[in-house]
Amino acid sequence: MIKFIEWLRDWWDTPSQRVQDKIYNQLQDKAMMSMKPIFEANRHYIASIGVEDFDEYLTTLSEQEKKDYEAEASVIFKNKVFQRELKHLESLQARYVAAECENWERNLVGRGTMNGIGLILDRFETLNARHLENTKPPEGSDPHGLMPGE
């Protein structure tokens, strides 16, 4: 899988850039999704916090501040450069841990780095989902006022 992703990266400079971007992102997303349970297991093993631990901060905010916070996080999460860079860093770190760690201590530091990157991605994904849930119009409503009787 890693060699195939490296091959895609070498293939990167051809004219069909958008198609290549889409294929590369889909493959990288699938690879990282298959690694997600491993990252969660690593969090427990290296005594790390989990995504759910972040919510403590939000309890100090008012409802409006919380909605604003989630909206700002959603804008960041939707930024493809942000996601692509973090996923690429996570992939590079996973490859390094798997192939080049010289001892157990370096392995643990590498796993901790992957955990940190994964926590950031997971947290922004959670905040984005909350924002989308909060801004979704009620079922059966007509937000544009086009339906008669509303």
N, C-alpha and C. Protein backbone atom coordinates (compact mmCIF):
# COMPACT_ATOMS: atom_id res chain seq x y z
N MET A 1 0.83 -1.19 0.00
CA MET A 1 0.00 0.00 0.00
C MET A 1 0.87 1.26 0.00
N ILE A 2 1.92 1.26 0.83
CA ILE A 2 2.79 2.44 0.92
C ILE A 2 3.52 2.67 -0.40
N LYS A 3 3.99 1.58 -1.03
CA LYS A 3 4.68 1.74 -2.31
C LYS A 3 3.73 2.29 -3.37
N PHE A 4 2.47 1.86 -3.30
CA PHE A 4 1.50 2.36 -4.26
C PHE A 4 1.26 3.85 -4.05
N ILE A 5 1.16 4.29 -2.81
CA ILE A 5 0.97 5.71 -2.51
C ILE A 5 2.20 6.50 -2.97
N GLU A 6 3.41 5.95 -2.77
CA GLU A 6 4.62 6.62 -3.25
C GLU A 6 4.61 6.70 -4.78
N TRP A 7 4.15 5.64 -5.44
CA TRP A 7 4.04 5.67 -6.90
C TRP A 7 3.09 6.78 -7.33
N LEU A 8 1.97 6.92 -6.64
CA LEU A 8 1.03 7.99 -6.96
C LEU A 8 1.69 9.36 -6.81
N ARG A 9 2.49 9.52 -5.77
CA ARG A 9 3.15 10.79 -5.54
C ARG A 9 4.12 11.11 -6.68
N ASP A 10 4.83 10.09 -7.19
CA ASP A 10 5.73 10.29 -8.33
C ASP A 10 4.96 10.64 -9.59
N TRP A 11 3.76 10.13 -9.70
CA TRP A 11 2.89 10.33 -10.85
C TRP A 11 2.20 11.69 -10.80
N TRP A 12 2.40 12.40 -9.73
CA TRP A 12 1.70 13.63 -9.37
C TRP A 12 1.77 14.73 -10.42
N ASP A 13 2.85 14.88 -11.15
CA ASP A 13 3.07 16.06 -11.98
C ASP A 13 2.51 15.95 -13.41
N THR A 14 1.59 15.07 -13.64
CA THR A 14 0.99 14.96 -14.97
C THR A 14 -0.16 15.95 -15.10
N PRO A 15 -0.67 16.18 -16.32
CA PRO A 15 -1.69 17.21 -16.54
C PRO A 15 -3.01 17.01 -15.78
N SER A 16 -3.39 15.81 -15.46
CA SER A 16 -4.69 15.58 -14.83
C SER A 16 -4.60 15.69 -13.31
N GLN A 17 -4.16 16.84 -12.84
CA GLN A 17 -3.92 17.07 -11.42
C GLN A 17 -5.15 16.83 -10.54
N ARG A 18 -6.31 17.32 -10.94
CA ARG A 18 -7.51 17.16 -10.11
C ARG A 18 -7.88 15.70 -9.92
N VAL A 19 -7.81 14.92 -10.98
CA VAL A 19 -8.13 13.50 -10.89
C VAL A 19 -7.14 12.81 -9.97
N GLN A 20 -5.88 13.14 -10.12
CA GLN A 20 -4.86 12.54 -9.26
C GLN A 20 -5.08 12.92 -7.81
N ASP A 21 -5.40 14.18 -7.54
CA ASP A 21 -5.68 14.62 -6.18
C ASP A 21 -6.80 13.79 -5.57
N LYS A 22 -7.86 13.61 -6.35
CA LYS A 22 -9.02 12.88 -5.86
C LYS A 22 -8.67 11.43 -5.56
N ILE A 23 -7.97 10.77 -6.48
CA ILE A 23 -7.58 9.38 -6.28
C ILE A 23 -6.65 9.25 -5.08
N TYR A 24 -5.66 10.11 -5.00
CA TYR A 24 -4.70 10.06 -3.89
C TYR A 24 -5.41 10.25 -2.55
N ASN A 25 -6.31 11.24 -2.48
CA ASN A 25 -7.02 11.49 -1.22
C ASN A 25 -7.90 10.33 -0.83
N GLN A 26 -8.57 9.72 -1.81
CA GLN A 26 -9.42 8.57 -1.50
C GLN A 26 -8.59 7.40 -0.99
N LEU A 27 -7.47 7.15 -1.62
CA LEU A 27 -6.61 6.04 -1.17
C LEU A 27 -6.04 6.32 0.21
N GLN A 28 -5.60 7.54 0.43
CA GLN A 28 -5.03 7.88 1.73
C GLN A 28 -6.10 7.82 2.81
N ASP A 29 -7.32 8.28 2.50
CA ASP A 29 -8.42 8.21 3.46
C ASP A 29 -8.71 6.76 3.83
N LYS A 30 -8.75 5.88 2.82
CA LYS A 30 -9.01 4.46 3.10
C LYS A 30 -7.90 3.86 3.94
N ALA A 31 -6.66 4.20 3.63
CA ALA A 31 -5.54 3.67 4.40
C ALA A 31 -5.60 4.14 5.84
N MET A 32 -5.91 5.42 6.05
CA MET A 32 -5.94 5.96 7.40
C MET A 32 -7.16 5.43 8.17
N MET A 33 -8.29 5.21 7.48
CA MET A 33 -9.46 4.66 8.16
C MET A 33 -9.19 3.25 8.65
N SER A 34 -8.42 2.47 7.87
CA SER A 34 -8.10 1.12 8.31
C SER A 34 -7.14 1.16 9.50
N MET A 35 -6.43 2.26 9.67
CA MET A 35 -5.49 2.39 10.79
C MET A 35 -6.14 3.03 12.02
N LYS A 36 -7.35 3.56 11.88
CA LYS A 36 -8.00 4.27 12.98
C LYS A 36 -8.11 3.42 14.25
N PRO A 37 -8.55 2.13 14.16
CA PRO A 37 -8.59 1.33 15.40
C PRO A 37 -7.22 1.16 16.04
N ILE A 38 -6.18 1.11 15.20
CA ILE A 38 -4.83 0.99 15.74
C ILE A 38 -4.47 2.25 16.51
N PHE A 39 -4.82 3.43 15.96
CA PHE A 39 -4.52 4.68 16.66
C PHE A 39 -5.26 4.74 17.99
N GLU A 40 -6.52 4.30 18.00
CA GLU A 40 -7.29 4.32 19.24
C GLU A 40 -6.69 3.37 20.27
N ALA A 41 -6.22 2.21 19.82
CA ALA A 41 -5.56 1.27 20.74
C ALA A 41 -4.26 1.86 21.26
N ASN A 42 -3.52 2.57 20.38
CA ASN A 42 -2.29 3.21 20.81
C ASN A 42 -2.55 4.24 21.90
N ARG A 43 -3.64 4.99 21.78
CA ARG A 43 -3.96 6.00 22.79
C ARG A 43 -4.08 5.36 24.16
N HIS A 44 -4.74 4.24 24.22
CA HIS A 44 -4.89 3.56 25.50
C HIS A 44 -3.53 3.06 25.99
N TYR A 45 -2.75 2.48 25.08
CA TYR A 45 -1.47 1.90 25.45
C TYR A 45 -0.46 2.94 25.93
N ILE A 46 -0.43 4.10 25.28
CA ILE A 46 0.56 5.11 25.68
C ILE A 46 -0.02 6.12 26.67
N ALA A 47 -1.15 5.76 27.28
CA ALA A 47 -1.76 6.58 28.33
C ALA A 47 -2.06 8.00 27.84
N SER A 48 -2.67 8.09 26.67
CA SER A 48 -3.01 9.37 26.09
C SER A 48 -4.46 9.72 26.36
N ILE A 49 -4.75 11.00 26.22
CA ILE A 49 -6.13 11.44 26.31
C ILE A 49 -6.87 10.98 25.05
N GLY A 50 -8.18 11.03 25.10
CA GLY A 50 -9.00 10.70 23.94
C GLY A 50 -9.74 11.94 23.48
N VAL A 51 -10.39 11.84 22.35
CA VAL A 51 -11.12 12.97 21.79
C VAL A 51 -12.19 13.47 22.76
N GLU A 52 -12.82 12.53 23.46
CA GLU A 52 -13.88 12.91 24.39
C GLU A 52 -13.37 13.79 25.54
N ASP A 53 -12.09 13.73 25.82
CA ASP A 53 -11.53 14.55 26.91
C ASP A 53 -11.49 16.04 26.57
N PHE A 54 -11.59 16.38 25.30
CA PHE A 54 -11.56 17.78 24.89
C PHE A 54 -12.82 18.54 25.31
N ASP A 55 -13.92 17.82 25.47
CA ASP A 55 -15.20 18.48 25.73
C ASP A 55 -15.25 19.23 27.05
N GLU A 56 -14.35 18.92 27.95
CA GLU A 56 -14.33 19.62 29.24
C GLU A 56 -14.19 21.13 29.05
N TYR A 57 -13.38 21.54 28.09
CA TYR A 57 -13.20 22.97 27.81
C TYR A 57 -14.50 23.62 27.38
N LEU A 58 -15.27 22.93 26.56
CA LEU A 58 -16.50 23.52 26.03
C LEU A 58 -17.55 23.77 27.11
N THR A 59 -17.45 23.07 28.23
CA THR A 59 -18.42 23.29 29.31
C THR A 59 -18.28 24.67 29.94
N THR A 60 -17.14 25.32 29.72
CA THR A 60 -16.93 26.66 30.28
C THR A 60 -17.50 27.75 29.39
N LEU A 61 -17.97 27.39 28.19
CA LEU A 61 -18.47 28.37 27.23
C LEU A 61 -20.00 28.46 27.30
N SER A 62 -20.52 29.63 26.95
CA SER A 62 -21.97 29.77 26.81
C SER A 62 -22.41 29.03 25.55
N GLU A 63 -23.71 28.84 25.38
CA GLU A 63 -24.22 28.14 24.20
C GLU A 63 -23.81 28.85 22.91
N GLN A 64 -23.91 30.18 22.88
CA GLN A 64 -23.55 30.93 21.68
C GLN A 64 -22.05 30.83 21.41
N GLU A 65 -21.24 30.93 22.46
CA GLU A 65 -19.79 30.79 22.29
C GLU A 65 -19.43 29.40 21.77
N LYS A 66 -20.13 28.39 22.28
CA LYS A 66 -19.90 27.02 21.84
C LYS A 66 -20.24 26.86 20.35
N LYS A 67 -21.37 27.44 19.93
CA LYS A 67 -21.76 27.37 18.52
C LYS A 67 -20.77 28.10 17.63
N ASP A 68 -20.29 29.27 18.09
CA ASP A 68 -19.29 30.02 17.33
C ASP A 68 -17.99 29.24 17.22
N TYR A 69 -17.59 28.63 18.31
CA TYR A 69 -16.37 27.83 18.36
C TYR A 69 -16.47 26.66 17.37
N GLU A 70 -17.60 25.96 17.39
CA GLU A 70 -17.79 24.83 16.48
C GLU A 70 -17.84 25.29 15.03
N ALA A 71 -18.43 26.47 14.77
CA ALA A 71 -18.49 27.00 13.40
C ALA A 71 -17.09 27.32 12.89
N GLU A 72 -16.26 27.93 13.73
CA GLU A 72 -14.88 28.24 13.32
C GLU A 72 -14.09 26.97 13.07
N ALA A 73 -14.26 25.98 13.94
CA ALA A 73 -13.56 24.70 13.75
C ALA A 73 -14.02 24.01 12.47
N SER A 74 -15.29 24.16 12.14
CA SER A 74 -15.83 23.56 10.92
C SER A 74 -15.18 24.15 9.68
N VAL A 75 -14.97 25.46 9.69
CA VAL A 75 -14.31 26.12 8.55
C VAL A 75 -12.90 25.56 8.38
N ILE A 76 -12.19 25.39 9.48
CA ILE A 76 -10.83 24.85 9.41
C ILE A 76 -10.86 23.41 8.91
N PHE A 77 -11.78 22.61 9.45
CA PHE A 77 -11.85 21.20 9.06
C PHE A 77 -12.17 21.04 7.58
N LYS A 78 -13.00 21.90 7.04
CA LYS A 78 -13.38 21.80 5.63
C LYS A 78 -12.26 22.23 4.68
N ASN A 79 -11.23 22.87 5.22
CA ASN A 79 -10.09 23.29 4.42
C ASN A 79 -9.31 22.05 3.99
N LYS A 80 -9.30 21.75 2.71
CA LYS A 80 -8.67 20.54 2.20
C LYS A 80 -7.16 20.52 2.44
N VAL A 81 -6.53 21.68 2.43
CA VAL A 81 -5.09 21.74 2.68
C VAL A 81 -4.80 21.27 4.11
N PHE A 82 -5.59 21.75 5.06
CA PHE A 82 -5.43 21.35 6.46
C PHE A 82 -5.53 19.83 6.60
N GLN A 83 -6.59 19.26 6.04
CA GLN A 83 -6.78 17.81 6.14
C GLN A 83 -5.67 17.05 5.43
N ARG A 84 -5.35 17.48 4.21
CA ARG A 84 -4.34 16.77 3.43
C ARG A 84 -2.97 16.79 4.13
N GLU A 85 -2.60 17.94 4.67
CA GLU A 85 -1.31 18.05 5.35
C GLU A 85 -1.25 17.15 6.59
N LEU A 86 -2.29 17.18 7.40
CA LEU A 86 -2.28 16.36 8.61
C LEU A 86 -2.30 14.87 8.27
N LYS A 87 -3.11 14.48 7.28
CA LYS A 87 -3.15 13.07 6.89
C LYS A 87 -1.81 12.62 6.32
N HIS A 88 -1.18 13.51 5.56
CA HIS A 88 0.13 13.18 5.00
C HIS A 88 1.17 13.03 6.13
N LEU A 89 1.16 13.94 7.08
CA LEU A 89 2.08 13.83 8.22
C LEU A 89 1.85 12.54 8.99
N GLU A 90 0.58 12.21 9.19
CA GLU A 90 0.23 10.99 9.91
C GLU A 90 0.75 9.77 9.15
N SER A 91 0.59 9.77 7.84
CA SER A 91 1.05 8.67 7.02
C SER A 91 2.58 8.55 7.04
N LEU A 92 3.26 9.68 6.92
CA LEU A 92 4.73 9.66 6.99
C LEU A 92 5.21 9.13 8.33
N GLN A 93 4.55 9.57 9.40
CA GLN A 93 4.96 9.13 10.73
C GLN A 93 4.71 7.64 10.91
N ALA A 94 3.58 7.14 10.40
CA ALA A 94 3.28 5.71 10.50
C ALA A 94 4.33 4.90 9.74
N ARG A 95 4.70 5.39 8.56
CA ARG A 95 5.72 4.70 7.77
C ARG A 95 7.06 4.69 8.50
N TYR A 96 7.41 5.81 9.13
CA TYR A 96 8.67 5.88 9.87
C TYR A 96 8.67 4.91 11.04
N VAL A 97 7.58 4.90 11.78
CA VAL A 97 7.50 4.00 12.94
C VAL A 97 7.61 2.55 12.49
N ALA A 98 6.95 2.21 11.39
CA ALA A 98 6.95 0.83 10.92
C ALA A 98 8.30 0.39 10.36
N ALA A 99 9.01 1.31 9.73
CA ALA A 99 10.21 0.88 9.00
C ALA A 99 11.54 1.33 9.59
N GLU A 100 11.55 2.43 10.33
CA GLU A 100 12.85 3.01 10.66
C GLU A 100 13.14 3.22 12.14
N CYS A 101 12.21 2.88 13.01
CA CYS A 101 12.49 3.07 14.44
C CYS A 101 13.59 2.13 14.88
N GLU A 102 14.59 2.69 15.55
CA GLU A 102 15.74 1.90 15.96
C GLU A 102 15.57 1.24 17.31
N ASN A 103 14.68 1.78 18.15
CA ASN A 103 14.46 1.17 19.46
C ASN A 103 13.05 1.46 19.94
N TRP A 104 12.70 0.88 21.07
CA TRP A 104 11.34 0.98 21.58
C TRP A 104 10.97 2.41 21.98
N GLU A 105 11.91 3.16 22.53
CA GLU A 105 11.62 4.53 22.94
C GLU A 105 11.23 5.39 21.73
N ARG A 106 11.96 5.24 20.65
CA ARG A 106 11.63 6.00 19.44
C ARG A 106 10.28 5.56 18.88
N ASN A 107 10.00 4.29 18.99
CA ASN A 107 8.71 3.77 18.55
C ASN A 107 7.59 4.44 19.33
N LEU A 108 7.74 4.54 20.65
CA LEU A 108 6.71 5.16 21.47
C LEU A 108 6.55 6.64 21.16
N VAL A 109 7.66 7.34 20.92
CA VAL A 109 7.56 8.75 20.55
C VAL A 109 6.84 8.89 19.22
N GLY A 110 7.17 8.04 18.26
CA GLY A 110 6.51 8.07 16.96
C GLY A 110 5.03 7.78 17.07
N ARG A 111 4.68 6.81 17.89
CA ARG A 111 3.27 6.49 18.09
C ARG A 111 2.56 7.65 18.78
N GLY A 112 3.25 8.31 19.69
CA GLY A 112 2.67 9.48 20.35
C GLY A 112 2.43 10.61 19.36
N THR A 113 3.35 10.77 18.42
CA THR A 113 3.19 11.79 17.38
C THR A 113 1.99 11.47 16.50
N MET A 114 1.87 10.22 16.09
CA MET A 114 0.71 9.82 15.29
C MET A 114 -0.58 10.05 16.08
N ASN A 115 -0.53 9.75 17.37
CA ASN A 115 -1.69 9.96 18.22
C ASN A 115 -2.09 11.43 18.25
N GLY A 116 -1.12 12.31 18.41
CA GLY A 116 -1.41 13.74 18.45
C GLY A 116 -2.04 14.24 17.16
N ILE A 117 -1.49 13.82 16.04
CA ILE A 117 -2.05 14.22 14.75
C ILE A 117 -3.46 13.65 14.60
N GLY A 118 -3.63 12.40 14.99
CA GLY A 118 -4.95 11.77 14.91
C GLY A 118 -5.97 12.45 15.81
N LEU A 119 -5.54 12.86 17.00
CA LEU A 119 -6.43 13.58 17.91
C LEU A 119 -6.92 14.89 17.29
N ILE A 120 -6.01 15.60 16.65
CA ILE A 120 -6.39 16.87 16.03
C ILE A 120 -7.42 16.63 14.93
N LEU A 121 -7.14 15.67 14.07
CA LEU A 121 -8.10 15.37 12.99
C LEU A 121 -9.44 14.92 13.55
N ASP A 122 -9.42 14.02 14.52
CA ASP A 122 -10.66 13.52 15.11
C ASP A 122 -11.45 14.63 15.79
N ARG A 123 -10.74 15.52 16.48
CA ARG A 123 -11.42 16.60 17.18
C ARG A 123 -12.10 17.56 16.20
N PHE A 124 -11.39 17.94 15.17
CA PHE A 124 -11.99 18.85 14.19
C PHE A 124 -13.14 18.18 13.45
N GLU A 125 -13.04 16.88 13.20
CA GLU A 125 -14.13 16.16 12.58
C GLU A 125 -15.37 16.15 13.48
N THR A 126 -15.16 15.96 14.78
CA THR A 126 -16.26 15.98 15.75
C THR A 126 -16.90 17.36 15.82
N LEU A 127 -16.09 18.41 15.89
CA LEU A 127 -16.63 19.77 15.95
C LEU A 127 -17.38 20.12 14.67
N ASN A 128 -16.87 19.67 13.53
CA ASN A 128 -17.56 19.90 12.26
C ASN A 128 -18.93 19.21 12.26
N ALA A 129 -18.98 17.97 12.72
CA ALA A 129 -20.24 17.24 12.77
C ALA A 129 -21.25 17.94 13.69
N ARG A 130 -20.78 18.44 14.81
CA ARG A 130 -21.68 19.16 15.73
C ARG A 130 -22.20 20.44 15.08
N HIS A 131 -21.33 21.15 14.39
CA HIS A 131 -21.75 22.38 13.72
C HIS A 131 -22.81 22.07 12.66
N LEU A 132 -22.58 21.03 11.87
CA LEU A 132 -23.56 20.65 10.85
C LEU A 132 -24.88 20.24 11.48
N GLU A 133 -24.83 19.56 12.59
CA GLU A 133 -26.05 19.16 13.29
C GLU A 133 -26.80 20.38 13.83
N ASN A 134 -26.06 21.36 14.35
CA ASN A 134 -26.67 22.57 14.92
C ASN A 134 -27.25 23.49 13.85
N THR A 135 -26.74 23.42 12.64
CA THR A 135 -27.20 24.33 11.59
C THR A 135 -28.16 23.67 10.62
N LYS A 136 -28.47 22.41 10.86
CA LYS A 136 -29.40 21.68 9.99
C LYS A 136 -30.81 22.21 10.25
N PRO A 137 -31.55 22.55 9.18
CA PRO A 137 -32.93 23.02 9.39
C PRO A 137 -33.80 21.89 9.94
N PRO A 138 -34.81 22.23 10.73
CA PRO A 138 -35.69 21.19 11.27
C PRO A 138 -36.35 20.41 10.13
N GLU A 139 -36.59 19.13 10.39
CA GLU A 139 -37.20 18.29 9.38
C GLU A 139 -38.58 18.81 9.00
N GLY A 140 -38.87 18.82 7.72
CA GLY A 140 -40.16 19.28 7.25
C GLY A 140 -40.25 20.79 7.07
N SER A 141 -39.19 21.52 7.43
CA SER A 141 -39.24 22.97 7.28
C SER A 141 -38.76 23.37 5.89
N ASP A 142 -39.11 24.56 5.50
CA ASP A 142 -38.71 25.10 4.20
C ASP A 142 -37.87 26.34 4.46
N PRO A 143 -36.54 26.22 4.52
CA PRO A 143 -35.69 27.36 4.88
C PRO A 143 -35.77 28.52 3.90
N HIS A 144 -36.23 28.27 2.68
CA HIS A 144 -36.30 29.33 1.66
C HIS A 144 -37.70 29.91 1.51
N GLY A 145 -38.68 29.36 2.24
CA GLY A 145 -40.04 29.88 2.20
C GLY A 145 -40.74 29.66 0.87
N LEU A 146 -40.40 28.59 0.17
CA LEU A 146 -40.98 28.33 -1.14
C LEU A 146 -42.23 27.48 -1.09
N MET A 147 -42.41 26.76 0.01
CA MET A 147 -43.57 25.88 0.13
C MET A 147 -44.76 26.66 0.67
N PRO A 148 -45.93 26.52 0.07
CA PRO A 148 -47.10 27.24 0.58
C PRO A 148 -47.53 26.70 1.95
N GLY A 149 -48.05 27.59 2.76
CA GLY A 149 -48.55 27.19 4.07
C GLY A 149 -47.53 27.27 5.18
N GLU A 150 -46.36 27.79 4.92
CA GLU A 150 -45.36 27.90 5.98
C GLU A 150 -45.00 29.32 6.24
